[in-house]
């Protein structure tokens, strides 16, 4: 009879995820994982298979608890246009408040992924598509209500917003400057017909 796990899986995934988020997959060592989680190497491998296994589980936990939570919350509480504005506001605020300048775990993993792991690349591509689909839903609804510009197709606006987001996330790691980040988002939203609040621009 298998012994029940004697650890809190959520706590372990958050601890491991914090290391992967800060250091990246390749640079994270087994020692880093044992130190951060408090588990032995054999316990980690028994529970998650290997380093790649715990990385994928940690990434999934990150996406569900942070990214998906934000999307669902904004879509269900804001108008389509304000859901987009709120999404970028939270990204900018989190980027500026993070003393480690870690950026986004998903974007970091995407930049690190290579053709040697096509399964991982496909998984990451699917996750970025989910963000694009969030933008697409908001833009489509906003165009119907008159809140968002119809100068471009909804699909093109959504891809434009995804590009702004990815550029923002990458630059925030090495240039976490308030003027730079707001300067990226403001014009990026203006193309869609949305206004970046003056309170954000003055931060």
N, C-alpha and C. Protein backbone atom coordinates (compact mmCIF):
# COMPACT_ATOMS: atom_id res chain seq x y z
N UNK A 1 0.85 -1.19 0.00
CA UNK A 1 0.00 0.00 0.00
C UNK A 1 0.89 1.25 0.00
N UNK A 2 0.60 2.17 -0.92
CA UNK A 2 1.43 3.37 -1.05
C UNK A 2 1.22 4.28 0.16
N UNK A 3 2.30 4.88 0.61
CA UNK A 3 2.21 5.81 1.72
C UNK A 3 1.67 7.14 1.24
N UNK A 4 0.79 7.79 2.02
CA UNK A 4 0.29 9.10 1.61
C UNK A 4 1.41 10.13 1.64
N UNK A 5 1.30 11.14 0.79
CA UNK A 5 2.31 12.18 0.78
C UNK A 5 2.27 12.95 2.09
N UNK A 6 3.46 13.25 2.58
CA UNK A 6 3.56 13.93 3.86
C UNK A 6 3.99 15.38 3.67
N UNK A 7 3.47 16.01 2.61
CA UNK A 7 3.78 17.41 2.38
C UNK A 7 2.59 18.08 1.72
N UNK A 8 2.55 19.40 1.82
CA UNK A 8 1.50 20.20 1.20
C UNK A 8 1.92 20.47 -0.24
N UNK A 9 1.21 19.89 -1.19
CA UNK A 9 1.62 20.01 -2.58
C UNK A 9 1.61 21.45 -3.07
N UNK A 10 0.63 22.22 -2.66
CA UNK A 10 0.56 23.62 -3.10
C UNK A 10 1.78 24.39 -2.60
N UNK A 11 2.13 24.20 -1.33
CA UNK A 11 3.31 24.88 -0.80
C UNK A 11 4.57 24.48 -1.53
N UNK A 12 4.70 23.20 -1.86
CA UNK A 12 5.87 22.72 -2.57
C UNK A 12 5.93 23.32 -3.97
N UNK A 13 4.79 23.35 -4.67
CA UNK A 13 4.77 23.90 -6.02
C UNK A 13 5.07 25.39 -6.01
N UNK A 14 4.59 26.10 -5.01
CA UNK A 14 4.87 27.53 -4.93
C UNK A 14 6.34 27.78 -4.61
N UNK A 15 6.91 26.96 -3.74
CA UNK A 15 8.33 27.12 -3.40
C UNK A 15 9.22 26.79 -4.59
N UNK A 16 8.92 25.69 -5.27
CA UNK A 16 9.70 25.32 -6.45
C UNK A 16 9.49 26.34 -7.56
N UNK A 17 8.24 26.78 -7.73
CA UNK A 17 7.94 27.75 -8.77
C UNK A 17 8.69 29.05 -8.56
N UNK A 18 8.85 29.48 -7.32
CA UNK A 18 9.58 30.72 -7.03
C UNK A 18 11.03 30.62 -7.50
N UNK A 19 11.63 29.43 -7.36
CA UNK A 19 13.01 29.24 -7.81
C UNK A 19 13.07 29.23 -9.33
N UNK A 20 12.20 28.45 -9.96
CA UNK A 20 12.18 28.41 -11.42
C UNK A 20 11.91 29.79 -12.01
N UNK A 21 11.01 30.53 -11.37
CA UNK A 21 10.63 31.85 -11.84
C UNK A 21 11.83 32.81 -11.81
N UNK A 22 12.61 32.72 -10.75
CA UNK A 22 13.74 33.63 -10.58
C UNK A 22 14.97 33.21 -11.39
N UNK A 23 15.22 31.89 -11.49
CA UNK A 23 16.46 31.42 -12.09
C UNK A 23 16.30 30.81 -13.48
N UNK A 24 15.08 30.40 -13.82
CA UNK A 24 14.88 29.70 -15.08
C UNK A 24 15.03 28.20 -14.89
N UNK A 25 14.55 27.44 -15.87
CA UNK A 25 14.58 25.99 -15.75
C UNK A 25 16.00 25.44 -15.75
N UNK A 26 16.81 25.81 -16.71
CA UNK A 26 18.15 25.23 -16.85
C UNK A 26 19.03 25.56 -15.66
N UNK A 27 18.97 26.80 -15.18
CA UNK A 27 19.87 27.22 -14.09
C UNK A 27 19.45 26.67 -12.74
N UNK A 28 18.21 26.23 -12.60
CA UNK A 28 17.75 25.68 -11.33
C UNK A 28 18.31 24.28 -11.13
N UNK A 29 18.92 24.06 -9.99
CA UNK A 29 19.52 22.76 -9.70
C UNK A 29 18.63 21.97 -8.75
N UNK A 30 18.91 20.68 -8.67
CA UNK A 30 18.18 19.85 -7.72
C UNK A 30 18.40 20.35 -6.30
N UNK A 31 19.59 20.83 -6.02
CA UNK A 31 19.88 21.39 -4.69
C UNK A 31 19.00 22.60 -4.42
N UNK A 32 18.80 23.44 -5.43
CA UNK A 32 17.90 24.58 -5.27
C UNK A 32 16.50 24.12 -4.87
N UNK A 33 16.05 23.05 -5.51
CA UNK A 33 14.69 22.55 -5.26
C UNK A 33 14.57 21.92 -3.89
N UNK A 34 15.57 21.17 -3.48
CA UNK A 34 15.50 20.57 -2.14
C UNK A 34 15.59 21.64 -1.06
N UNK A 35 16.42 22.64 -1.28
CA UNK A 35 16.54 23.73 -0.30
C UNK A 35 15.24 24.52 -0.19
N UNK A 36 14.60 24.78 -1.32
CA UNK A 36 13.41 25.63 -1.31
C UNK A 36 12.16 24.89 -0.83
N UNK A 37 12.06 23.62 -1.17
CA UNK A 37 10.85 22.87 -0.82
C UNK A 37 10.95 22.13 0.51
N UNK A 38 12.17 21.85 0.95
CA UNK A 38 12.36 21.07 2.15
C UNK A 38 12.22 19.57 1.92
N UNK A 39 12.05 19.16 0.67
CA UNK A 39 11.95 17.75 0.33
C UNK A 39 13.31 17.20 -0.08
N UNK A 40 13.47 15.91 0.04
CA UNK A 40 14.69 15.27 -0.46
C UNK A 40 14.55 15.08 -1.97
N UNK A 41 15.69 14.83 -2.62
CA UNK A 41 15.66 14.60 -4.06
C UNK A 41 14.77 13.40 -4.40
N UNK A 42 14.88 12.34 -3.61
CA UNK A 42 14.08 11.15 -3.88
C UNK A 42 12.59 11.44 -3.72
N UNK A 43 12.22 12.28 -2.77
CA UNK A 43 10.81 12.63 -2.58
C UNK A 43 10.29 13.45 -3.75
N UNK A 44 11.11 14.37 -4.23
CA UNK A 44 10.71 15.19 -5.38
C UNK A 44 10.50 14.31 -6.61
N UNK A 45 11.44 13.40 -6.84
CA UNK A 45 11.33 12.55 -8.02
C UNK A 45 10.18 11.55 -7.89
N UNK A 46 9.93 11.07 -6.68
CA UNK A 46 8.82 10.14 -6.47
C UNK A 46 7.47 10.82 -6.72
N UNK A 47 7.39 12.10 -6.34
CA UNK A 47 6.12 12.82 -6.47
C UNK A 47 5.92 13.42 -7.86
N UNK A 48 7.01 13.87 -8.49
CA UNK A 48 6.87 14.63 -9.72
C UNK A 48 7.62 14.05 -10.92
N UNK A 49 8.36 12.98 -10.72
CA UNK A 49 9.06 12.33 -11.82
C UNK A 49 10.50 12.77 -11.98
N UNK A 50 10.70 14.07 -12.23
CA UNK A 50 12.04 14.62 -12.41
C UNK A 50 11.94 16.14 -12.35
N UNK A 51 13.05 16.81 -12.65
CA UNK A 51 13.05 18.27 -12.57
C UNK A 51 12.04 18.87 -13.55
N UNK A 52 11.96 18.30 -14.73
CA UNK A 52 11.02 18.80 -15.73
C UNK A 52 9.59 18.62 -15.23
N UNK A 53 9.34 17.51 -14.56
CA UNK A 53 8.00 17.25 -14.05
C UNK A 53 7.56 18.26 -13.02
N UNK A 54 8.42 18.58 -12.06
CA UNK A 54 8.03 19.56 -11.04
C UNK A 54 7.99 20.96 -11.63
N UNK A 55 8.82 21.22 -12.66
CA UNK A 55 8.77 22.51 -13.34
C UNK A 55 7.41 22.71 -14.01
N UNK A 56 6.95 21.70 -14.75
CA UNK A 56 5.67 21.82 -15.45
C UNK A 56 4.51 21.97 -14.47
N UNK A 57 4.56 21.22 -13.37
CA UNK A 57 3.50 21.33 -12.36
C UNK A 57 3.53 22.72 -11.71
N UNK A 58 4.72 23.22 -11.46
CA UNK A 58 4.85 24.55 -10.85
C UNK A 58 4.35 25.63 -11.80
N UNK A 59 4.67 25.47 -13.09
CA UNK A 59 4.22 26.44 -14.08
C UNK A 59 2.70 26.41 -14.19
N UNK A 60 2.12 25.22 -14.20
CA UNK A 60 0.67 25.11 -14.27
C UNK A 60 0.01 25.76 -13.05
N UNK A 61 0.59 25.55 -11.88
CA UNK A 61 0.05 26.17 -10.66
C UNK A 61 0.13 27.69 -10.77
N UNK A 62 1.23 28.20 -11.27
CA UNK A 62 1.42 29.64 -11.46
C UNK A 62 0.36 30.19 -12.41
N UNK A 63 0.17 29.51 -13.53
CA UNK A 63 -0.79 29.98 -14.52
C UNK A 63 -2.21 29.97 -13.99
N UNK A 64 -2.56 28.94 -13.25
CA UNK A 64 -3.92 28.84 -12.71
C UNK A 64 -4.18 29.85 -11.60
N UNK A 65 -3.20 30.02 -10.72
CA UNK A 65 -3.41 30.86 -9.54
C UNK A 65 -3.19 32.34 -9.79
N UNK A 66 -2.45 32.68 -10.82
CA UNK A 66 -2.16 34.09 -11.10
C UNK A 66 -2.79 34.54 -12.42
N UNK A 67 -2.38 33.93 -13.52
CA UNK A 67 -2.84 34.41 -14.82
C UNK A 67 -4.32 34.11 -15.05
N UNK A 68 -4.73 32.86 -14.88
CA UNK A 68 -6.12 32.50 -15.11
C UNK A 68 -7.04 33.22 -14.13
N UNK A 69 -6.61 33.34 -12.88
CA UNK A 69 -7.42 34.06 -11.89
C UNK A 69 -7.64 35.49 -12.32
N UNK A 70 -6.60 36.14 -12.84
CA UNK A 70 -6.72 37.54 -13.26
C UNK A 70 -7.69 37.65 -14.45
N UNK A 71 -7.56 36.76 -15.41
CA UNK A 71 -8.43 36.81 -16.59
C UNK A 71 -9.88 36.63 -16.20
N UNK A 72 -10.16 35.61 -15.41
CA UNK A 72 -11.54 35.33 -15.01
C UNK A 72 -12.11 36.50 -14.20
N UNK A 73 -11.34 37.00 -13.27
CA UNK A 73 -11.81 38.09 -12.41
C UNK A 73 -12.14 39.34 -13.22
N UNK A 74 -11.24 39.71 -14.13
CA UNK A 74 -11.45 40.93 -14.90
C UNK A 74 -12.59 40.78 -15.90
N UNK A 75 -12.68 39.62 -16.53
CA UNK A 75 -13.76 39.41 -17.50
C UNK A 75 -15.13 39.41 -16.85
N UNK A 76 -15.20 39.01 -15.60
CA UNK A 76 -16.50 38.90 -14.94
C UNK A 76 -16.87 40.14 -14.12
N UNK A 77 -15.96 41.09 -14.00
CA UNK A 77 -16.25 42.28 -13.19
C UNK A 77 -16.10 43.60 -13.93
N UNK A 78 -15.51 43.58 -15.13
CA UNK A 78 -15.25 44.81 -15.86
C UNK A 78 -15.89 44.77 -17.24
N UNK A 79 -16.05 45.95 -17.82
CA UNK A 79 -16.44 46.01 -19.22
C UNK A 79 -15.29 45.47 -20.07
N UNK A 80 -15.52 45.10 -21.32
CA UNK A 80 -14.43 44.53 -22.13
C UNK A 80 -13.20 45.41 -22.22
N UNK A 81 -13.39 46.68 -22.47
CA UNK A 81 -12.25 47.58 -22.58
C UNK A 81 -11.53 47.75 -21.25
N UNK A 82 -12.29 47.90 -20.18
CA UNK A 82 -11.67 48.07 -18.87
C UNK A 82 -11.02 46.80 -18.36
N UNK A 83 -11.48 45.65 -18.85
CA UNK A 83 -10.80 44.39 -18.51
C UNK A 83 -9.40 44.38 -19.10
N UNK A 84 -9.26 44.88 -20.32
CA UNK A 84 -7.94 44.97 -20.95
C UNK A 84 -7.06 45.97 -20.22
N UNK A 85 -7.62 47.16 -19.94
CA UNK A 85 -6.85 48.18 -19.22
C UNK A 85 -6.43 47.65 -17.85
N UNK A 86 -7.35 47.01 -17.15
CA UNK A 86 -7.04 46.47 -15.83
C UNK A 86 -5.98 45.39 -15.87
N UNK A 87 -6.02 44.58 -16.92
CA UNK A 87 -5.02 43.53 -17.09
C UNK A 87 -3.62 44.15 -17.18
N UNK A 88 -3.47 45.16 -18.02
CA UNK A 88 -2.16 45.79 -18.17
C UNK A 88 -1.78 46.59 -16.92
N UNK A 89 -2.75 47.18 -16.25
CA UNK A 89 -2.44 47.92 -15.02
C UNK A 89 -1.83 46.98 -13.98
N UNK A 90 -2.43 45.80 -13.82
CA UNK A 90 -1.91 44.86 -12.84
C UNK A 90 -0.52 44.35 -13.24
N UNK A 91 -0.31 44.14 -14.53
CA UNK A 91 1.00 43.68 -14.99
C UNK A 91 2.07 44.72 -14.70
N UNK A 92 1.79 45.98 -15.03
CA UNK A 92 2.77 47.05 -14.78
C UNK A 92 3.03 47.19 -13.29
N UNK A 93 1.98 47.22 -12.49
CA UNK A 93 2.16 47.39 -11.05
C UNK A 93 2.97 46.25 -10.44
N UNK A 94 2.68 45.01 -10.85
CA UNK A 94 3.42 43.86 -10.32
C UNK A 94 4.87 43.89 -10.78
N UNK A 95 5.09 44.29 -12.01
CA UNK A 95 6.46 44.35 -12.53
C UNK A 95 7.30 45.36 -11.77
N UNK A 96 6.72 46.51 -11.48
CA UNK A 96 7.46 47.55 -10.77
C UNK A 96 7.65 47.22 -9.30
N UNK A 97 6.73 46.43 -8.73
CA UNK A 97 6.81 46.13 -7.30
C UNK A 97 7.71 44.94 -6.98
N UNK A 98 8.10 44.18 -8.00
CA UNK A 98 8.89 42.96 -7.78
C UNK A 98 10.37 43.32 -7.64
N UNK A 99 10.95 43.18 -6.45
CA UNK A 99 12.36 43.55 -6.27
C UNK A 99 13.32 42.66 -7.04
N UNK A 100 12.88 41.45 -7.40
CA UNK A 100 13.74 40.53 -8.15
C UNK A 100 13.63 40.72 -9.66
N UNK A 101 12.66 41.51 -10.11
CA UNK A 101 12.47 41.76 -11.54
C UNK A 101 12.39 40.44 -12.32
N UNK A 102 11.51 39.56 -11.87
CA UNK A 102 11.42 38.23 -12.47
C UNK A 102 10.62 38.20 -13.75
N UNK A 103 9.82 39.23 -14.01
CA UNK A 103 8.98 39.20 -15.20
C UNK A 103 7.85 38.20 -15.03
N UNK A 104 7.55 37.48 -16.10
CA UNK A 104 6.47 36.50 -16.10
C UNK A 104 7.07 35.11 -16.26
N UNK A 105 6.65 34.18 -15.42
CA UNK A 105 7.20 32.82 -15.48
C UNK A 105 6.90 32.17 -16.83
N UNK A 106 5.72 32.43 -17.38
CA UNK A 106 5.36 31.86 -18.69
C UNK A 106 6.25 32.43 -19.78
N UNK A 107 6.42 33.74 -19.80
CA UNK A 107 7.25 34.37 -20.83
C UNK A 107 8.70 33.94 -20.67
N UNK A 108 9.19 33.86 -19.44
CA UNK A 108 10.57 33.42 -19.22
C UNK A 108 10.77 32.00 -19.76
N UNK A 109 9.81 31.13 -19.49
CA UNK A 109 9.91 29.74 -19.97
C UNK A 109 9.85 29.70 -21.49
N UNK A 110 9.04 30.56 -22.08
CA UNK A 110 8.92 30.61 -23.54
C UNK A 110 10.24 31.02 -24.18
N UNK A 111 10.91 32.00 -23.58
CA UNK A 111 12.19 32.46 -24.12
C UNK A 111 13.27 31.39 -23.97
N UNK A 112 13.14 30.56 -22.95
CA UNK A 112 14.15 29.55 -22.68
C UNK A 112 13.92 28.27 -23.47
N UNK A 113 12.69 28.02 -23.89
CA UNK A 113 12.35 26.77 -24.58
C UNK A 113 13.05 26.67 -25.92
N UNK A 114 13.47 25.47 -26.29
CA UNK A 114 14.16 25.23 -27.56
C UNK A 114 13.47 24.12 -28.33
N UNK A 115 13.90 23.95 -29.56
CA UNK A 115 13.32 22.91 -30.42
C UNK A 115 13.64 21.51 -29.92
N UNK A 116 14.55 21.39 -28.97
CA UNK A 116 14.87 20.08 -28.40
C UNK A 116 13.71 19.52 -27.58
N UNK A 117 12.78 20.39 -27.20
CA UNK A 117 11.63 19.95 -26.40
C UNK A 117 10.35 20.45 -27.07
N UNK A 118 9.95 19.84 -28.19
CA UNK A 118 8.77 20.31 -28.92
C UNK A 118 7.48 20.22 -28.10
N UNK A 119 7.42 19.26 -27.19
CA UNK A 119 6.22 19.12 -26.35
C UNK A 119 6.07 20.34 -25.46
N UNK A 120 7.17 20.79 -24.88
CA UNK A 120 7.12 21.98 -24.03
C UNK A 120 6.80 23.21 -24.86
N UNK A 121 7.41 23.32 -26.03
CA UNK A 121 7.12 24.46 -26.90
C UNK A 121 5.64 24.52 -27.24
N UNK A 122 5.06 23.37 -27.55
CA UNK A 122 3.64 23.32 -27.90
C UNK A 122 2.77 23.73 -26.71
N UNK A 123 3.16 23.29 -25.52
CA UNK A 123 2.41 23.64 -24.31
C UNK A 123 2.46 25.14 -24.07
N UNK A 124 3.64 25.72 -24.19
CA UNK A 124 3.80 27.15 -23.97
C UNK A 124 3.06 27.96 -25.03
N UNK A 125 3.10 27.49 -26.28
CA UNK A 125 2.38 28.17 -27.35
C UNK A 125 0.88 28.18 -27.05
N UNK A 126 0.38 27.07 -26.53
CA UNK A 126 -1.04 26.97 -26.20
C UNK A 126 -1.40 27.96 -25.10
N UNK A 127 -0.51 28.13 -24.13
CA UNK A 127 -0.78 29.06 -23.04
C UNK A 127 -0.78 30.51 -23.52
N UNK A 128 0.12 30.86 -24.43
CA UNK A 128 0.09 32.22 -24.97
C UNK A 128 -1.16 32.43 -25.82
N UNK A 129 -1.63 31.38 -26.45
CA UNK A 129 -2.88 31.47 -27.22
C UNK A 129 -4.05 31.78 -26.30
N UNK A 130 -4.03 31.24 -25.09
CA UNK A 130 -5.12 31.52 -24.15
C UNK A 130 -5.16 33.00 -23.79
N UNK A 131 -4.00 33.63 -23.68
CA UNK A 131 -3.97 35.07 -23.41
C UNK A 131 -4.51 35.82 -24.61
N UNK A 132 -4.08 35.41 -25.80
CA UNK A 132 -4.58 36.04 -27.03
C UNK A 132 -6.11 35.90 -27.12
N UNK A 133 -6.64 34.75 -26.73
CA UNK A 133 -8.08 34.53 -26.79
C UNK A 133 -8.81 35.43 -25.79
N UNK A 134 -8.18 35.69 -24.64
CA UNK A 134 -8.76 36.64 -23.68
C UNK A 134 -8.88 38.01 -24.33
N UNK A 135 -7.80 38.46 -24.94
CA UNK A 135 -7.84 39.75 -25.63
C UNK A 135 -8.89 39.74 -26.74
N UNK A 136 -8.95 38.65 -27.48
CA UNK A 136 -9.91 38.57 -28.60
C UNK A 136 -11.35 38.66 -28.10
N UNK A 137 -11.66 37.96 -27.03
CA UNK A 137 -13.02 38.03 -26.48
C UNK A 137 -13.36 39.45 -26.05
N UNK A 138 -12.42 40.10 -25.38
CA UNK A 138 -12.67 41.47 -24.91
C UNK A 138 -12.81 42.43 -26.08
N UNK A 139 -11.92 42.32 -27.05
CA UNK A 139 -11.97 43.22 -28.20
C UNK A 139 -13.26 43.02 -28.99
N UNK A 140 -13.63 41.79 -29.24
CA UNK A 140 -14.84 41.51 -30.00
C UNK A 140 -16.07 42.09 -29.31
N UNK A 141 -16.15 41.88 -28.01
CA UNK A 141 -17.28 42.43 -27.26
C UNK A 141 -17.23 43.95 -27.22
N UNK A 142 -16.01 44.49 -27.07
CA UNK A 142 -15.86 45.94 -27.01
C UNK A 142 -16.17 46.62 -28.33
N UNK A 143 -15.85 45.96 -29.43
CA UNK A 143 -16.19 46.53 -30.74
C UNK A 143 -17.70 46.55 -30.94
N UNK A 144 -18.37 45.55 -30.46
CA UNK A 144 -19.84 45.51 -30.59
C UNK A 144 -20.51 46.58 -29.74
N UNK A 145 -19.92 46.87 -28.58
CA UNK A 145 -20.52 47.87 -27.69
C UNK A 145 -20.06 49.29 -28.01
N UNK A 146 -19.06 49.42 -28.88
CA UNK A 146 -18.54 50.73 -29.24
C UNK A 146 -17.42 51.22 -28.34
N UNK A 147 -16.96 50.36 -27.43
CA UNK A 147 -15.91 50.74 -26.48
C UNK A 147 -14.53 50.64 -27.11
N UNK A 148 -14.37 49.82 -28.13
CA UNK A 148 -13.07 49.55 -28.73
C UNK A 148 -13.12 49.84 -30.23
N UNK A 149 -12.03 50.37 -30.75
CA UNK A 149 -11.93 50.76 -32.15
C UNK A 149 -12.19 49.60 -33.10
N UNK A 150 -12.82 49.93 -34.22
CA UNK A 150 -13.03 48.93 -35.28
C UNK A 150 -12.10 49.19 -36.46
N UNK A 151 -11.04 49.95 -36.21
CA UNK A 151 -10.09 50.27 -37.29
C UNK A 151 -9.40 49.02 -37.82
N UNK A 152 -9.25 48.02 -36.94
CA UNK A 152 -8.64 46.75 -37.34
C UNK A 152 -9.57 45.61 -36.92
N UNK A 153 -9.34 44.46 -37.51
CA UNK A 153 -10.10 43.27 -37.12
C UNK A 153 -9.81 42.95 -35.65
N UNK A 154 -10.77 42.33 -35.00
CA UNK A 154 -10.59 41.96 -33.60
C UNK A 154 -9.37 41.06 -33.44
N UNK A 155 -9.16 40.14 -34.39
CA UNK A 155 -8.01 39.23 -34.32
C UNK A 155 -6.69 40.00 -34.36
N UNK A 156 -6.64 41.05 -35.19
CA UNK A 156 -5.40 41.83 -35.29
C UNK A 156 -5.16 42.65 -34.03
N UNK A 157 -6.23 43.23 -33.48
CA UNK A 157 -6.09 43.95 -32.21
C UNK A 157 -5.59 43.01 -31.11
N UNK A 158 -6.14 41.80 -31.05
CA UNK A 158 -5.75 40.85 -30.01
C UNK A 158 -4.27 40.48 -30.13
N UNK A 159 -3.80 40.27 -31.35
CA UNK A 159 -2.39 39.93 -31.55
C UNK A 159 -1.49 41.10 -31.23
N UNK A 160 -1.96 42.30 -31.55
CA UNK A 160 -1.21 43.50 -31.21
C UNK A 160 -1.05 43.62 -29.69
N UNK A 161 -2.14 43.39 -28.96
CA UNK A 161 -2.09 43.47 -27.49
C UNK A 161 -1.18 42.39 -26.92
N UNK A 162 -1.20 41.20 -27.50
CA UNK A 162 -0.30 40.14 -27.04
C UNK A 162 1.15 40.54 -27.24
N UNK A 163 1.46 41.16 -28.38
CA UNK A 163 2.84 41.61 -28.64
C UNK A 163 3.26 42.68 -27.64
N UNK A 164 2.36 43.61 -27.33
CA UNK A 164 2.66 44.64 -26.33
C UNK A 164 2.95 43.99 -24.98
N UNK A 165 2.12 43.02 -24.62
CA UNK A 165 2.30 42.33 -23.34
C UNK A 165 3.64 41.62 -23.26
N UNK A 166 3.98 40.87 -24.30
CA UNK A 166 5.23 40.11 -24.27
C UNK A 166 6.44 41.06 -24.23
N UNK A 167 6.39 42.13 -25.01
CA UNK A 167 7.48 43.11 -24.97
C UNK A 167 7.61 43.75 -23.60
N UNK A 168 6.47 44.07 -23.01
CA UNK A 168 6.46 44.65 -21.67
C UNK A 168 7.09 43.72 -20.65
N UNK A 169 6.70 42.46 -20.71
CA UNK A 169 7.21 41.48 -19.75
C UNK A 169 8.71 41.26 -19.89
N UNK A 170 9.21 41.25 -21.10
CA UNK A 170 10.65 41.05 -21.31
C UNK A 170 11.44 42.26 -20.83
N UNK A 171 11.02 43.45 -21.23
CA UNK A 171 11.75 44.66 -20.85
C UNK A 171 11.68 44.92 -19.34
N UNK A 172 10.58 44.52 -18.71
CA UNK A 172 10.45 44.76 -17.27
C UNK A 172 11.50 44.01 -16.47
N UNK A 173 12.08 42.96 -17.04
CA UNK A 173 13.12 42.20 -16.32
C UNK A 173 14.43 42.98 -16.25
N UNK A 174 14.74 43.71 -17.30
CA UNK A 174 16.04 44.38 -17.34
C UNK A 174 15.93 45.91 -17.27
N UNK A 175 14.73 46.44 -17.55
CA UNK A 175 14.54 47.89 -17.50
C UNK A 175 13.21 48.19 -16.80
N UNK A 176 13.12 47.90 -15.51
CA UNK A 176 11.86 48.11 -14.78
C UNK A 176 11.65 49.59 -14.45
N UNK A 177 11.52 50.38 -15.47
CA UNK A 177 11.37 51.83 -15.32
C UNK A 177 9.92 52.22 -15.58
N UNK A 178 9.35 53.01 -14.69
CA UNK A 178 7.93 53.35 -14.79
C UNK A 178 7.60 54.07 -16.08
N UNK A 179 8.47 55.01 -16.49
CA UNK A 179 8.20 55.76 -17.72
C UNK A 179 8.26 54.85 -18.94
N UNK A 180 9.20 53.93 -18.95
CA UNK A 180 9.32 53.00 -20.07
C UNK A 180 8.09 52.11 -20.19
N UNK A 181 7.69 51.52 -19.09
CA UNK A 181 6.57 50.58 -19.14
C UNK A 181 5.26 51.30 -19.49
N UNK A 182 5.04 52.46 -18.90
CA UNK A 182 3.84 53.22 -19.24
C UNK A 182 3.89 53.72 -20.67
N UNK A 183 5.10 54.03 -21.15
CA UNK A 183 5.26 54.47 -22.52
C UNK A 183 4.99 53.38 -23.53
N UNK A 184 5.15 52.13 -23.11
CA UNK A 184 4.81 51.00 -23.97
C UNK A 184 3.29 50.77 -23.99
N UNK A 185 2.71 50.79 -22.81
CA UNK A 185 1.30 50.43 -22.70
C UNK A 185 0.38 51.52 -23.26
N UNK A 186 0.66 52.79 -22.95
CA UNK A 186 -0.22 53.88 -23.38
C UNK A 186 -0.49 53.88 -24.88
N UNK A 187 0.55 53.99 -25.70
CA UNK A 187 0.33 53.96 -27.15
C UNK A 187 -0.24 52.63 -27.64
N UNK A 188 0.16 51.54 -26.96
CA UNK A 188 -0.35 50.23 -27.35
C UNK A 188 -1.86 50.13 -27.19
N UNK A 189 -2.38 50.71 -26.12
CA UNK A 189 -3.82 50.71 -25.90
C UNK A 189 -4.53 51.73 -26.77
N UNK A 190 -3.83 52.83 -27.08
CA UNK A 190 -4.45 53.87 -27.91
C UNK A 190 -4.81 53.34 -29.29
N UNK A 191 -4.01 52.43 -29.82
CA UNK A 191 -4.30 51.83 -31.12
C UNK A 191 -5.64 51.11 -31.09
N UNK A 192 -5.96 50.54 -29.93
CA UNK A 192 -7.20 49.80 -29.76
C UNK A 192 -8.36 50.74 -29.44
N UNK A 193 -8.03 51.99 -29.14
CA UNK A 193 -9.06 52.96 -28.79
C UNK A 193 -9.30 53.08 -27.30
N UNK A 194 -8.34 52.60 -26.49
CA UNK A 194 -8.47 52.65 -25.04
C UNK A 194 -7.48 53.65 -24.46
N UNK A 195 -7.84 54.22 -23.33
CA UNK A 195 -7.01 55.25 -22.68
C UNK A 195 -6.31 54.65 -21.47
N UNK A 196 -5.00 54.84 -21.39
CA UNK A 196 -4.22 54.45 -20.24
C UNK A 196 -4.39 55.53 -19.17
N UNK A 197 -4.89 55.19 -17.99
CA UNK A 197 -5.22 56.21 -16.98
C UNK A 197 -4.04 57.11 -16.63
N UNK A 198 -4.33 58.37 -16.43
CA UNK A 198 -3.27 59.33 -16.10
C UNK A 198 -2.59 58.98 -14.80
N UNK A 199 -3.31 58.32 -13.87
CA UNK A 199 -2.70 57.93 -12.61
C UNK A 199 -1.56 56.94 -12.83
N UNK A 200 -1.69 56.10 -13.84
CA UNK A 200 -0.63 55.16 -14.16
C UNK A 200 0.54 55.89 -14.84
N UNK A 201 0.23 56.83 -15.68
CA UNK A 201 1.29 57.53 -16.40
C UNK A 201 2.14 58.37 -15.48
N UNK A 202 1.56 58.84 -14.37
CA UNK A 202 2.31 59.70 -13.46
C UNK A 202 3.10 58.92 -12.42
N UNK A 203 2.93 57.63 -12.34
CA UNK A 203 3.59 56.86 -11.28
C UNK A 203 5.09 56.99 -11.34
